[in-house]
Amino acid sequence: MTDKLNYEAPELELVGSFEEVTLGNSTGDDLDKDFVAGTSFNDLTFS
């Protein structure tokens, strides 16, 4: 016999407005993926 687990609904923790949390106000320090040498700055994605 298997024991059933009780369902627990997920909770949402508000940490700020969407606009505040996702604003890209800087170029970041770490690249999100590897780029070949000579890639245009505008094609780079930063975190």
PDB file of N, CA and C in Angstrom:
ATOM      1  N   MET A   1       0.841  -1.176   0.000  1.00  0.00           N
ATOM      2  CA  MET A   1       0.000   0.000   0.000  1.00  0.00           C
ATOM      3  C   MET A   1       0.888   1.242   0.000  1.00  0.00           C
ATOM      4  N   THR A   2       0.514   2.246  -0.800  1.00  0.00           N
ATOM      5  CA  THR A   2       1.296   3.484  -0.843  1.00  0.00           C
ATOM      6  C   THR A   2       0.559   4.592  -0.100  1.00  0.00           C
ATOM      7  N   ASP A   3       1.317   5.392   0.605  1.00  0.00           N
ATOM      8  CA  ASP A   3       0.734   6.526   1.317  1.00  0.00           C
ATOM      9  C   ASP A   3       0.610   7.709   0.360  1.00  0.00           C
ATOM     10  N   LYS A   4      -0.548   8.348   0.368  1.00  0.00           N
ATOM     11  CA  LYS A   4      -0.755   9.531  -0.468  1.00  0.00           C
ATOM     12  C   LYS A   4      -0.265  10.769   0.286  1.00  0.00           C
ATOM     13  N   LEU A   5       0.371  11.637  -0.469  1.00  0.00           N
ATOM     14  CA  LEU A   5       0.811  12.907   0.111  1.00  0.00           C
ATOM     15  C   LEU A   5      -0.314  13.925  -0.024  1.00  0.00           C
ATOM     16  N   ASN A   6      -0.464  14.775   0.961  1.00  0.00           N
ATOM     17  CA  ASN A   6      -1.453  15.848   0.883  1.00  0.00           C
ATOM     18  C   ASN A   6      -0.947  16.921  -0.062  1.00  0.00           C
ATOM     19  N   TYR A   7      -1.859  17.441  -0.895  1.00  0.00           N
ATOM     20  CA  TYR A   7      -1.520  18.506  -1.831  1.00  0.00           C
ATOM     21  C   TYR A   7      -1.327  19.818  -1.078  1.00  0.00           C
ATOM     22  N   GLU A   8      -0.244  20.511  -1.386  1.00  0.00           N
ATOM     23  CA  GLU A   8      -0.006  21.841  -0.852  1.00  0.00           C
ATOM     24  C   GLU A   8       0.099  22.808  -2.025  1.00  0.00           C
ATOM     25  N   ALA A   9      -0.809  23.757  -2.068  1.00  0.00           N
ATOM     26  CA  ALA A   9      -0.806  24.736  -3.154  1.00  0.00           C
ATOM     27  C   ALA A   9       0.448  25.595  -3.087  1.00  0.00           C
ATOM     28  N   PRO A  10       1.027  25.938  -4.226  1.00  0.00           N
ATOM     29  CA  PRO A  10       2.209  26.811  -4.221  1.00  0.00           C
ATOM     30  C   PRO A  10       1.836  28.198  -3.727  1.00  0.00           C
ATOM     31  N   GLU A  11       2.826  28.901  -3.198  1.00  0.00           N
ATOM     32  CA  GLU A  11       2.619  30.257  -2.707  1.00  0.00           C
ATOM     33  C   GLU A  11       3.452  31.223  -3.530  1.00  0.00           C
ATOM     34  N   LEU A  12       2.940  32.409  -3.696  1.00  0.00           N
ATOM     35  CA  LEU A  12       3.644  33.459  -4.427  1.00  0.00           C
ATOM     36  C   LEU A  12       4.146  34.487  -3.435  1.00  0.00           C
ATOM     37  N   GLU A  13       5.448  34.705  -3.443  1.00  0.00           N
ATOM     38  CA  GLU A  13       6.042  35.703  -2.562  1.00  0.00           C
ATOM     39  C   GLU A  13       6.326  36.956  -3.373  1.00  0.00           C
ATOM     40  N   LEU A  14       5.690  38.053  -3.019  1.00  0.00           N
ATOM     41  CA  LEU A  14       5.889  39.309  -3.729  1.00  0.00           C
ATOM     42  C   LEU A  14       7.193  39.951  -3.261  1.00  0.00           C
ATOM     43  N   VAL A  15       8.074  40.257  -4.212  1.00  0.00           N
ATOM     44  CA  VAL A  15       9.365  40.858  -3.874  1.00  0.00           C
ATOM     45  C   VAL A  15       9.528  42.243  -4.489  1.00  0.00           C
ATOM     46  N   GLY A  16       8.505  42.737  -5.144  1.00  0.00           N
ATOM     47  CA  GLY A  16       8.542  44.049  -5.784  1.00  0.00           C
ATOM     48  C   GLY A  16       7.705  44.015  -7.040  1.00  0.00           C
ATOM     49  N   SER A  17       7.545  45.153  -7.654  1.00  0.00           N
ATOM     50  CA  SER A  17       6.769  45.197  -8.887  1.00  0.00           C
ATOM     51  C   SER A  17       7.558  44.534 -10.014  1.00  0.00           C
ATOM     52  N   PHE A  18       6.838  44.064 -11.013  1.00  0.00           N
ATOM     53  CA  PHE A  18       7.485  43.429 -12.161  1.00  0.00           C
ATOM     54  C   PHE A  18       8.505  44.377 -12.780  1.00  0.00           C
ATOM     55  N   GLU A  19       8.124  45.645 -12.912  1.00  0.00           N
ATOM     56  CA  GLU A  19       9.014  46.630 -13.529  1.00  0.00           C
ATOM     57  C   GLU A  19      10.292  46.827 -12.717  1.00  0.00           C
ATOM     58  N   GLU A  20      10.180  46.885 -11.390  1.00  0.00           N
ATOM     59  CA  GLU A  20      11.360  47.076 -10.548  1.00  0.00           C
ATOM     60  C   GLU A  20      12.283  45.868 -10.594  1.00  0.00           C
ATOM     61  N   VAL A  21      11.711  44.686 -10.575  1.00  0.00           N
ATOM     62  CA  VAL A  21      12.504  43.458 -10.513  1.00  0.00           C
ATOM     63  C   VAL A  21      13.214  43.181 -11.833  1.00  0.00           C
ATOM     64  N   THR A  22      12.610  43.574 -12.958  1.00  0.00           N
ATOM     65  CA  THR A  22      13.176  43.226 -14.267  1.00  0.00           C
ATOM     66  C   THR A  22      13.891  44.367 -14.968  1.00  0.00           C
ATOM     67  N   LEU A  23      13.989  45.526 -14.332  1.00  0.00           N
ATOM     68  CA  LEU A  23      14.673  46.646 -14.981  1.00  0.00           C
ATOM     69  C   LEU A  23      16.136  46.311 -15.257  1.00  0.00           C
ATOM     70  N   GLY A  24      16.571  46.539 -16.465  1.00  0.00           N
ATOM     71  CA  GLY A  24      17.966  46.310 -16.815  1.00  0.00           C
ATOM     72  C   GLY A  24      18.727  47.621 -16.779  1.00  0.00           C
ATOM     73  N   ASN A  25      19.121  48.047 -15.606  1.00  0.00           N
ATOM     74  CA  ASN A  25      19.800  49.331 -15.470  1.00  0.00           C
ATOM     75  C   ASN A  25      21.305  49.240 -15.602  1.00  0.00           C
ATOM     76  N   SER A  26      21.849  48.058 -15.849  1.00  0.00           N
ATOM     77  CA  SER A  26      23.298  47.940 -15.973  1.00  0.00           C
ATOM     78  C   SER A  26      23.630  46.893 -17.018  1.00  0.00           C
ATOM     79  N   THR A  27      24.878  46.855 -17.398  1.00  0.00           N
ATOM     80  CA  THR A  27      25.313  45.859 -18.373  1.00  0.00           C
ATOM     81  C   THR A  27      25.625  44.535 -17.713  1.00  0.00           C
ATOM     82  N   GLY A  28      25.650  44.479 -16.396  1.00  0.00           N
ATOM     83  CA  GLY A  28      25.892  43.227 -15.686  1.00  0.00           C
ATOM     84  C   GLY A  28      27.356  42.865 -15.603  1.00  0.00           C
ATOM     85  N   ASP A  29      27.629  41.784 -14.875  1.00  0.00           N
ATOM     86  CA  ASP A  29      28.994  41.322 -14.682  1.00  0.00           C
ATOM     87  C   ASP A  29      29.268  39.975 -15.351  1.00  0.00           C
ATOM     88  N   ASP A  30      28.219  39.216 -15.618  1.00  0.00           N
ATOM     89  CA  ASP A  30      28.389  37.867 -16.148  1.00  0.00           C
ATOM     90  C   ASP A  30      27.604  37.683 -17.437  1.00  0.00           C
ATOM     91  N   LEU A  31      28.236  37.052 -18.412  1.00  0.00           N
ATOM     92  CA  LEU A  31      27.534  36.746 -19.654  1.00  0.00           C
ATOM     93  C   LEU A  31      26.583  35.574 -19.439  1.00  0.00           C
ATOM     94  N   ASP A  32      25.414  35.611 -20.113  1.00  0.00           N
ATOM     95  CA  ASP A  32      24.446  34.535 -20.000  1.00  0.00           C
ATOM     96  C   ASP A  32      24.824  33.327 -20.853  1.00  0.00           C
ATOM     97  N   LYS A  33      25.625  33.508 -21.857  1.00  0.00           N
ATOM     98  CA  LYS A  33      26.051  32.390 -22.698  1.00  0.00           C
ATOM     99  C   LYS A  33      27.413  32.723 -23.297  1.00  0.00           C
ATOM    100  N   ASP A  34      28.024  31.770 -23.944  1.00  0.00           N
ATOM    101  CA  ASP A  34      29.335  31.993 -24.556  1.00  0.00           C
ATOM    102  C   ASP A  34      29.177  32.619 -25.938  1.00  0.00           C
ATOM    103  N   PHE A  35      29.996  33.597 -26.219  1.00  0.00           N
ATOM    104  CA  PHE A  35      29.979  34.270 -27.510  1.00  0.00           C
ATOM    105  C   PHE A  35      31.372  34.211 -28.115  1.00  0.00           C
ATOM    106  N   VAL A  36      31.421  34.139 -29.430  1.00  0.00           N
ATOM    107  CA  VAL A  36      32.711  34.095 -30.120  1.00  0.00           C
ATOM    108  C   VAL A  36      33.359  35.474 -30.059  1.00  0.00           C
ATOM    109  N   ALA A  37      34.672  35.505 -30.146  1.00  0.00           N
ATOM    110  CA  ALA A  37      35.409  36.762 -30.138  1.00  0.00           C
ATOM    111  C   ALA A  37      34.909  37.645 -31.275  1.00  0.00           C
ATOM    112  N   GLY A  38      34.765  38.925 -30.988  1.00  0.00           N
ATOM    113  CA  GLY A  38      34.325  39.866 -32.007  1.00  0.00           C
ATOM    114  C   GLY A  38      32.819  40.052 -32.074  1.00  0.00           C
ATOM    115  N   THR A  39      32.066  39.378 -31.191  1.00  0.00           N
ATOM    116  CA  THR A  39      30.615  39.552 -31.180  1.00  0.00           C
ATOM    117  C   THR A  39      30.293  40.993 -30.808  1.00  0.00           C
ATOM    118  N   SER A  40      29.362  41.613 -31.533  1.00  0.00           N
ATOM    119  CA  SER A  40      28.961  42.983 -31.254  1.00  0.00           C
ATOM    120  C   SER A  40      28.410  43.106 -29.858  1.00  0.00           C
ATOM    121  N   PHE A  41      28.733  44.217 -29.184  1.00  0.00           N
ATOM    122  CA  PHE A  41      28.259  44.442 -27.821  1.00  0.00           C
ATOM    123  C   PHE A  41      26.735  44.349 -27.754  1.00  0.00           C
ATOM    124  N   ASN A  42      26.052  44.840 -28.761  1.00  0.00           N
ATOM    125  CA  ASN A  42      24.591  44.818 -28.777  1.00  0.00           C
ATOM    126  C   ASN A  42      24.019  43.406 -28.852  1.00  0.00           C
ATOM    127  N   ASP A  43      24.822  42.432 -29.292  1.00  0.00           N
ATOM    128  CA  ASP A  43      24.363  41.044 -29.371  1.00  0.00           C
ATOM    129  C   ASP A  43      24.628  40.265 -28.089  1.00  0.00           C
ATOM    130  N   LEU A  44      25.339  40.865 -27.130  1.00  0.00           N
ATOM    131  CA  LEU A  44      25.653  40.184 -25.876  1.00  0.00           C
ATOM    132  C   LEU A  44      24.476  40.269 -24.909  1.00  0.00           C
ATOM    133  N   THR A  45      24.302  39.243 -24.086  1.00  0.00           N
ATOM    134  CA  THR A  45      23.277  39.265 -23.054  1.00  0.00           C
ATOM    135  C   THR A  45      23.965  39.097 -21.701  1.00  0.00           C
ATOM    136  N   PHE A  46      23.628  39.965 -20.771  1.00  0.00           N
ATOM    137  CA  PHE A  46      24.275  40.005 -19.465  1.00  0.00           C
ATOM    138  C   PHE A  46      23.297  39.675 -18.353  1.00  0.00           C
ATOM    139  N   SER A  47      23.836  39.184 -17.241  1.00  0.00           N
ATOM    140  CA  SER A  47      23.046  38.971 -16.023  1.00  0.00           C
ATOM    141  C   SER A  47      23.554  39.904 -14.960  1.00  0.00           C
TER     142      SER A  47
END
